[in-house]
PDB file of N, CA and C in Angstrom:
ATOM      1  N   MET A   1     -63.632   6.902 -12.530  1.00  0.00           N
ATOM      2  CA  MET A   1     -63.433   8.086 -11.851  1.00  0.00           C
ATOM      3  C   MET A   1     -62.249   8.869 -10.703  1.00  0.00           C
ATOM      4  N   ALA A   2     -62.273   9.648 -11.145  1.00  0.00           N
ATOM      5  CA  ALA A   2     -61.321  10.677 -10.216  1.00  0.00           C
ATOM      6  C   ALA A   2     -61.876  10.456  -9.046  1.00  0.00           C
ATOM      7  N   SER A   3     -60.697  10.908  -7.992  1.00  0.00           N
ATOM      8  CA  SER A   3     -61.090  10.622  -6.603  1.00  0.00           C
ATOM      9  C   SER A   3     -61.563  12.391  -5.887  1.00  0.00           C
ATOM     10  N   LEU A   4     -60.907  13.003  -7.278  1.00  0.00           N
ATOM     11  CA  LEU A   4     -61.018  14.799  -6.691  1.00  0.00           C
ATOM     12  C   LEU A   4     -61.182  15.228  -7.623  1.00  0.00           C
ATOM     13  N   LEU A   5     -62.339  16.700  -7.015  1.00  0.00           N
ATOM     14  CA  LEU A   5     -63.059  17.158  -8.298  1.00  0.00           C
ATOM     15  C   LEU A   5     -62.882  19.524  -7.485  1.00  0.00           C
ATOM     16  N   PHE A   6     -62.154  19.821  -8.630  1.00  0.00           N
ATOM     17  CA  PHE A   6     -61.587  20.719  -8.657  1.00  0.00           C
ATOM     18  C   PHE A   6     -63.135  21.802  -9.198  1.00  0.00           C
ATOM     19  N   ILE A   7     -63.035  23.011  -8.051  1.00  0.00           N
ATOM     20  CA  ILE A   7     -64.580  23.145  -8.425  1.00  0.00           C
ATOM     21  C   ILE A   7     -64.538  25.095  -9.227  1.00  0.00           C
ATOM     22  N   VAL A   8     -63.899  25.571 -10.030  1.00  0.00           N
ATOM     23  CA  VAL A   8     -63.382  26.475 -10.113  1.00  0.00           C
ATOM     24  C   VAL A   8     -64.629  27.247 -10.474  1.00  0.00           C
ATOM     25  N   SER A   9     -64.419  28.989  -9.974  1.00  0.00           N
ATOM     26  CA  SER A   9     -65.484  30.157  -9.982  1.00  0.00           C
ATOM     27  C   SER A   9     -66.044  30.444 -11.094  1.00  0.00           C
ATOM     28  N   ARG A  10     -66.859  30.455 -11.748  1.00  0.00           N
ATOM     29  CA  ARG A  10     -67.104  31.060 -13.688  1.00  0.00           C
ATOM     30  C   ARG A  10     -66.352  32.122 -13.968  1.00  0.00           C
ATOM     31  N   THR A  11     -66.071  33.069 -12.992  1.00  0.00           N
ATOM     32  CA  THR A  11     -64.443  34.436 -13.086  1.00  0.00           C
ATOM     33  C   THR A  11     -63.788  33.856 -13.100  1.00  0.00           C
ATOM     34  N   GLU A  12     -63.551  32.655 -12.938  1.00  0.00           N
ATOM     35  CA  GLU A  12     -62.136  32.482 -13.291  1.00  0.00           C
ATOM     36  C   GLU A  12     -61.742  31.415 -14.603  1.00  0.00           C
ATOM     37  N   SER A  13     -62.013  32.356 -15.429  1.00  0.00           N
ATOM     38  CA  SER A  13     -61.560  31.214 -17.009  1.00  0.00           C
ATOM     39  C   SER A  13     -59.852  31.012 -16.870  1.00  0.00           C
ATOM     40  N   GLY A  14     -59.163  30.987 -16.271  1.00  0.00           N
ATOM     41  CA  GLY A  14     -57.546  30.946 -16.818  1.00  0.00           C
ATOM     42  C   GLY A  14     -57.130  30.232 -15.346  1.00  0.00           C
ATOM     43  N   THR A  15     -58.082  30.369 -14.632  1.00  0.00           N
ATOM     44  CA  THR A  15     -57.155  28.855 -13.235  1.00  0.00           C
ATOM     45  C   THR A  15     -58.016  27.918 -13.998  1.00  0.00           C
ATOM     46  N   TYR A  16     -59.681  27.713 -14.651  1.00  0.00           N
ATOM     47  CA  TYR A  16     -60.199  26.878 -15.142  1.00  0.00           C
ATOM     48  C   TYR A  16     -59.731  25.519 -16.394  1.00  0.00           C
ATOM     49  N   THR A  17     -58.823  27.204 -16.997  1.00  0.00           N
ATOM     50  CA  THR A  17     -58.068  26.604 -18.462  1.00  0.00           C
ATOM     51  C   THR A  17     -56.546  25.715 -17.778  1.00  0.00           C
ATOM     52  N   TYR A  18     -56.204  26.566 -16.594  1.00  0.00           N
ATOM     53  CA  TYR A  18     -54.768  26.147 -16.231  1.00  0.00           C
ATOM     54  C   TYR A  18     -55.526  24.832 -15.000  1.00  0.00           C
ATOM     55  N   LEU A  19     -56.107  24.737 -14.668  1.00  0.00           N
ATOM     56  CA  LEU A  19     -56.307  23.116 -14.201  1.00  0.00           C
ATOM     57  C   LEU A  19     -57.385  21.747 -15.227  1.00  0.00           C
ATOM     58  N   ARG A  20     -57.379  22.175 -15.868  1.00  0.00           N
ATOM     59  CA  ARG A  20     -57.362  21.400 -16.985  1.00  0.00           C
ATOM     60  C   ARG A  20     -56.418  20.360 -17.709  1.00  0.00           C
ATOM     61  N   HIS A  21     -55.982  21.762 -18.091  1.00  0.00           N
ATOM     62  CA  HIS A  21     -54.426  21.429 -18.494  1.00  0.00           C
ATOM     63  C   HIS A  21     -53.200  20.181 -16.836  1.00  0.00           C
ATOM     64  N   ALA A  22     -53.342  20.667 -16.488  1.00  0.00           N
ATOM     65  CA  ALA A  22     -52.583  20.151 -15.284  1.00  0.00           C
ATOM     66  C   ALA A  22     -53.068  18.770 -15.077  1.00  0.00           C
ATOM     67  N   LEU A  23     -54.395  19.492 -15.109  1.00  0.00           N
ATOM     68  CA  LEU A  23     -55.100  17.645 -14.574  1.00  0.00           C
ATOM     69  C   LEU A  23     -55.317  16.570 -15.916  1.00  0.00           C
ATOM     70  N   ALA A  24     -55.096  16.680 -17.345  1.00  0.00           N
ATOM     71  CA  ALA A  24     -55.359  15.274 -18.006  1.00  0.00           C
ATOM     72  C   ALA A  24     -54.830  14.438 -18.015  1.00  0.00           C
ATOM     73  N   LYS A  25     -53.704  14.013 -17.377  1.00  0.00           N
ATOM     74  CA  LYS A  25     -53.288  12.334 -16.922  1.00  0.00           C
ATOM     75  C   LYS A  25     -54.664  12.047 -16.773  1.00  0.00           C
ATOM     76  N   GLY A  26     -55.892  12.736 -15.776  1.00  0.00           N
ATOM     77  CA  GLY A  26     -56.869  12.499 -14.231  1.00  0.00           C
ATOM     78  C   GLY A  26     -56.521  11.993 -13.402  1.00  0.00           C
ATOM     79  N   SER A  27     -56.155  12.680 -13.211  1.00  0.00           N
ATOM     80  CA  SER A  27     -56.046  12.458 -11.319  1.00  0.00           C
ATOM     81  C   SER A  27     -56.698  13.361 -10.798  1.00  0.00           C
ATOM     82  N   GLY A  28     -58.106  14.236 -11.281  1.00  0.00           N
ATOM     83  CA  GLY A  28     -59.094  14.714 -11.045  1.00  0.00           C
ATOM     84  C   GLY A  28     -60.156  15.477 -12.211  1.00  0.00           C
ATOM     85  N   ASP A  29     -60.863  15.627 -11.647  1.00  0.00           N
ATOM     86  CA  ASP A  29     -61.754  16.551 -12.719  1.00  0.00           C
ATOM     87  C   ASP A  29     -61.930  18.002 -12.202  1.00  0.00           C
ATOM     88  N   VAL A  30     -62.313  18.746 -12.764  1.00  0.00           N
ATOM     89  CA  VAL A  30     -62.490  20.270 -13.284  1.00  0.00           C
ATOM     90  C   VAL A  30     -63.647  20.513 -13.276  1.00  0.00           C
ATOM     91  N   ILE A  31     -64.287  21.743 -13.082  1.00  0.00           N
ATOM     92  CA  ILE A  31     -65.870  22.326 -13.284  1.00  0.00           C
ATOM     93  C   ILE A  31     -66.000  23.006 -13.024  1.00  0.00           C
ATOM     94  N   VAL A  32     -67.075  23.860 -13.477  1.00  0.00           N
ATOM     95  CA  VAL A  32     -66.969  24.896 -13.641  1.00  0.00           C
ATOM     96  C   VAL A  32     -68.406  25.693 -12.726  1.00  0.00           C
ATOM     97  N   ASP A  33     -68.323  26.580 -11.857  1.00  0.00           N
ATOM     98  CA  ASP A  33     -69.072  26.003 -10.451  1.00  0.00           C
ATOM     99  C   ASP A  33     -70.141  27.050 -10.996  1.00  0.00           C
ATOM    100  N   ARG A  34     -71.696  26.093 -11.432  1.00  0.00           N
ATOM    101  CA  ARG A  34     -72.587  26.976 -12.144  1.00  0.00           C
ATOM    102  C   ARG A  34     -74.192  27.317 -10.774  1.00  0.00           C
ATOM    103  N   ARG A  35     -73.533  27.206 -10.223  1.00  0.00           N
ATOM    104  CA  ARG A  35     -75.599  28.286  -8.794  1.00  0.00           C
ATOM    105  C   ARG A  35     -74.887  29.738  -9.983  1.00  0.00           C
ATOM    106  N   GLN A  36     -75.919  29.899  -9.573  1.00  0.00           N
ATOM    107  CA  GLN A  36     -76.677  31.451  -8.835  1.00  0.00           C
ATOM    108  C   GLN A  36     -76.850  32.152  -7.292  1.00  0.00           C
ATOM    109  N   ARG A  37     -77.759  31.548  -7.961  1.00  0.00           N
ATOM    110  CA  ARG A  37     -78.301  31.399  -6.644  1.00  0.00           C
ATOM    111  C   ARG A  37     -79.168  30.125  -6.109  1.00  0.00           C
ATOM    112  N   GLU A  38     -79.769  29.861  -4.291  1.00  0.00           N
ATOM    113  CA  GLU A  38     -80.008  29.408  -4.067  1.00  0.00           C
ATOM    114  C   GLU A  38     -81.933  29.206  -4.965  1.00  0.00           C
ATOM    115  N   ARG A  39     -81.815  27.793  -5.211  1.00  0.00           N
ATOM    116  CA  ARG A  39     -82.932  27.414  -5.755  1.00  0.00           C
ATOM    117  C   ARG A  39     -84.273  26.974  -5.213  1.00  0.00           C
ATOM    118  N   ARG A  40     -84.326  27.265  -4.348  1.00  0.00           N
ATOM    119  CA  ARG A  40     -85.294  26.810  -3.870  1.00  0.00           C
ATOM    120  C   ARG A  40     -85.744  28.656  -2.962  1.00  0.00           C
ATOM    121  N   ARG A  41     -87.088  28.701  -3.046  1.00  0.00           N
ATOM    122  CA  ARG A  41     -87.470  30.391  -2.518  1.00  0.00           C
ATOM    123  C   ARG A  41     -88.095  30.556  -1.200  1.00  0.00           C
ATOM    124  N   VAL A  42     -88.524  29.589  -0.760  1.00  0.00           N
ATOM    125  CA  VAL A  42     -89.471  29.354   0.677  1.00  0.00           C
ATOM    126  C   VAL A  42     -88.432  28.304   0.555  1.00  0.00           C
ATOM    127  N   ARG A  43     -88.612  27.645   2.066  1.00  0.00           N
ATOM    128  CA  ARG A  43     -87.781  26.587   3.245  1.00  0.00           C
ATOM    129  C   ARG A  43     -89.241  25.967   3.593  1.00  0.00           C
ATOM    130  N   GLN A  44     -89.722  24.359   2.440  1.00  0.00           N
ATOM    131  CA  GLN A  44     -91.226  24.323   3.153  1.00  0.00           C
ATOM    132  C   GLN A  44     -89.661  22.400   3.041  1.00  0.00           C
ATOM    133  N   ASP A  45     -90.444  21.623   4.342  1.00  0.00           N
ATOM    134  CA  ASP A  45     -90.079  19.981   4.535  1.00  0.00           C
ATOM    135  C   ASP A  45     -90.504  19.402   3.530  1.00  0.00           C
ATOM    136  N   VAL A  46     -89.807  18.242   3.660  1.00  0.00           N
ATOM    137  CA  VAL A  46     -89.932  17.197   3.020  1.00  0.00           C
ATOM    138  C   VAL A  46     -90.226  16.034   2.832  1.00  0.00           C
ATOM    139  N   ALA A  47     -91.925  16.112   2.095  1.00  0.00           N
ATOM    140  CA  ALA A  47     -91.648  13.936   2.688  1.00  0.00           C
ATOM    141  C   ALA A  47     -89.820  13.401   3.046  1.00  0.00           C
ATOM    142  N   ARG A  48     -90.026  12.792   4.433  1.00  0.00           N
ATOM    143  CA  ARG A  48     -88.399  11.411   4.550  1.00  0.00           C
ATOM    144  C   ARG A  48     -88.249  10.702   3.675  1.00  0.00           C
ATOM    145  N   ASP A  49     -88.882  10.335   3.378  1.00  0.00           N
ATOM    146  CA  ASP A  49     -88.592   9.419   2.547  1.00  0.00           C
ATOM    147  C   ASP A  49     -87.988  10.069   1.152  1.00  0.00           C
ATOM    148  N   ARG A  50     -88.111  10.897   0.505  1.00  0.00           N
ATOM    149  CA  ARG A  50     -87.625  12.156  -0.344  1.00  0.00           C
ATOM    150  C   ARG A  50     -85.924  11.101   0.022  1.00  0.00           C
ATOM    151  N   ARG A  51     -85.694  12.710   0.408  1.00  0.00           N
ATOM    152  CA  ARG A  51     -84.717  13.088   0.608  1.00  0.00           C
ATOM    153  C   ARG A  51     -84.475  13.205   1.963  1.00  0.00           C
ATOM    154  N   TYR A  52     -82.916  13.324   2.542  1.00  0.00           N
ATOM    155  CA  TYR A  52     -82.459  12.827   3.650  1.00  0.00           C
ATOM    156  C   TYR A  52     -81.546  13.985   4.684  1.00  0.00           C
ATOM    157  N   GLY A  53     -81.131  14.636   3.536  1.00  0.00           N
ATOM    158  CA  GLY A  53     -80.710  15.616   4.116  1.00  0.00           C
ATOM    159  C   GLY A  53     -80.055  16.557   2.383  1.00  0.00           C
ATOM    160  N   ASP A  54     -79.030  17.947   3.034  1.00  0.00           N
ATOM    161  CA  ASP A  54     -78.908  17.735   1.527  1.00  0.00           C
ATOM    162  C   ASP A  54     -77.553  17.342   0.530  1.00  0.00           C
ATOM    163  N   ARG A  55     -77.860  17.380  -0.021  1.00  0.00           N
ATOM    164  CA  ARG A  55     -76.340  17.223  -1.065  1.00  0.00           C
ATOM    165  C   ARG A  55     -75.174  16.792  -1.336  1.00  0.00           C
ATOM    166  N   ARG A  56     -75.334  17.613  -0.886  1.00  0.00           N
ATOM    167  CA  ARG A  56     -73.534  19.151  -0.297  1.00  0.00           C
ATOM    168  C   ARG A  56     -72.805  18.122   0.594  1.00  0.00           C
ATOM    169  N   HIS A  57     -71.623  18.148   0.547  1.00  0.00           N
ATOM    170  CA  HIS A  57     -71.576  17.669   1.765  1.00  0.00           C
ATOM    171  C   HIS A  57     -70.551  18.682   2.759  1.00  0.00           C
ATOM    172  N   ARG A  58     -70.061  19.580   1.972  1.00  0.00           N
ATOM    173  CA  ARG A  58     -70.096  20.956   2.683  1.00  0.00           C
ATOM    174  C   ARG A  58     -69.537  21.928   1.359  1.00  0.00           C
ATOM    175  N   ASP A  59     -69.682  23.283   2.248  1.00  0.00           N
ATOM    176  CA  ASP A  59     -69.674  24.551   1.225  1.00  0.00           C
ATOM    177  C   ASP A  59     -69.037  24.541   0.653  1.00  0.00           C
ATOM    178  N   VAL A  60     -68.554  25.086   0.203  1.00  0.00           N
ATOM    179  CA  VAL A  60     -67.646  24.912  -0.498  1.00  0.00           C
ATOM    180  C   VAL A  60     -67.644  27.187  -1.308  1.00  0.00           C
ATOM    181  N   THR A  61     -68.554  27.355  -1.131  1.00  0.00           N
ATOM    182  CA  THR A  61     -68.884  28.866  -1.262  1.00  0.00           C
ATOM    183  C   THR A  61     -68.014  29.712  -0.556  1.00  0.00           C
ATOM    184  N   GLY A  62     -67.413  29.827   0.275  1.00  0.00           N
ATOM    185  CA  GLY A  62     -66.003  30.467   1.102  1.00  0.00           C
ATOM    186  C   GLY A  62     -65.132  31.075   0.408  1.00  0.00           C
ATOM    187  N   ASP A  63     -64.954  28.840  -0.682  1.00  0.00           N
ATOM    188  CA  ASP A  63     -62.876  28.777  -0.630  1.00  0.00           C
ATOM    189  C   ASP A  63     -63.795  29.634  -2.109  1.00  0.00           C
ATOM    190  N   LEU A  64     -64.743  29.244  -2.697  1.00  0.00           N
ATOM    191  CA  LEU A  64     -64.871  30.324  -3.809  1.00  0.00           C
ATOM    192  C   LEU A  64     -64.538  31.504  -3.910  1.00  0.00           C
ATOM    193  N   GLN A  65     -65.302  31.978  -3.182  1.00  0.00           N
ATOM    194  CA  GLN A  65     -65.031  33.658  -3.090  1.00  0.00           C
ATOM    195  C   GLN A  65     -63.670  34.308  -2.996  1.00  0.00           C
ATOM    196  N   THR A  66     -63.257  33.369  -1.918  1.00  0.00           N
ATOM    197  CA  THR A  66     -62.315  33.797  -1.434  1.00  0.00           C
ATOM    198  C   THR A  66     -60.567  33.845  -2.784  1.00  0.00           C
ATOM    199  N   SER A  67     -60.516  32.118  -3.174  1.00  0.00           N
ATOM    200  CA  SER A  67     -59.459  31.860  -4.001  1.00  0.00           C
ATOM    201  C   SER A  67     -60.130  30.932  -5.368  1.00  0.00           C
ATOM    202  N   GLY A  68     -61.123  31.663  -5.380  1.00  0.00           N
ATOM    203  CA  GLY A  68     -61.654  30.841  -7.197  1.00  0.00           C
ATOM    204  C   GLY A  68     -61.415  29.991  -6.993  1.00  0.00           C
ATOM    205  N   TRP A  69     -61.375  28.651  -6.572  1.00  0.00           N
ATOM    206  CA  TRP A  69     -61.446  26.761  -6.958  1.00  0.00           C
ATOM    207  C   TRP A  69     -61.955  26.758  -5.439  1.00  0.00           C
ATOM    208  N   ALA A  70     -62.135  25.461  -5.495  1.00  0.00           N
ATOM    209  CA  ALA A  70     -62.269  24.609  -4.244  1.00  0.00           C
ATOM    210  C   ALA A  70     -62.022  23.282  -4.047  1.00  0.00           C
ATOM    211  N   LEU A  71     -61.967  22.561  -3.235  1.00  0.00           N
ATOM    212  CA  LEU A  71     -61.172  20.905  -4.018  1.00  0.00           C
ATOM    213  C   LEU A  71     -62.368  19.878  -3.121  1.00  0.00           C
ATOM    214  N   VAL A  72     -62.826  19.095  -3.697  1.00  0.00           N
ATOM    215  CA  VAL A  72     -63.857  18.213  -2.620  1.00  0.00           C
ATOM    216  C   VAL A  72     -63.140  16.803  -3.386  1.00  0.00           C
ATOM    217  N   HIS A  73     -63.005  15.836  -2.151  1.00  0.00           N
ATOM    218  CA  HIS A  73     -62.660  14.343  -2.388  1.00  0.00           C
ATOM    219  C   HIS A  73     -64.597  13.699  -2.469  1.00  0.00           C
ATOM    220  N   ARG A  74     -64.041  12.837  -3.485  1.00  0.00           N
ATOM    221  CA  ARG A  74     -65.672  12.420  -3.138  1.00  0.00           C
ATOM    222  C   ARG A  74     -65.619  11.199  -2.888  1.00  0.00           C
TER     223      ARG A  74
END
């Protein structure tokens, strides 16, 4: 498994195609951002044993909006 993950905005199909081709040797994975909105409508407390925090380590929303892609280290 590659240790780099490139997340590409849905509006940047050319960037997605380019990165898939450029990283075909396996130095990283490329995915399209599938988020549309926050899924939870109401923020509620969750039992502590179920979830210890947000799964996302870094918010990439700003990077996706400004450059169309974001790089995440796994």
